[in-house]
């Protein structure tokens, strides 16, 4: 997945994403240019998170600038993490790829609902409680209302609701 250029035309659609990372930058900013390949690399490894960049000095950002007036953005780049359209984390300045990856996982992945195939073949929603390396700890309710957890890798569950649940 790539990093989308955010303008007024696609801002509301972007904000409607379940999990999103928005980088606020300006065209003259050397730190923003250095940060861009880090964000691009991470977007390729996290297809279940939507990544966008808004270049504040290029115009066409009236809706975005209402949400983030200039006095709220002190340093560039500024990275804002959203879950279901709400800000869950914001930081100014760039991170290296490892720190950005961990920050996105901690703030956008933990607490997400994923879908696990059940014994009958139907997918059942579960909540991610912890991520450790490539292992995800999922909360599974038991028949007796006790909570138990199970570790899975990403290949064992679906990020989006399978068609069977949409019917």
Foldseek 3Di string as FASTA:
>chain_A
DFAAEDALVCVVVQLQQQKEKEKEAAPVDPLQVVQRVLQGVVCVVCVSYHHYYYHVPPDRHPVVCVVPPPVNQDAPTKMFIDGSNDTQDIDHTHDGNVVVNVVSCVRRQQQAWWWAQDPVRATDIWGFHDDDPQWTWTWDQDPVRDIDIDIDGPVRIGRDHDPVVVD
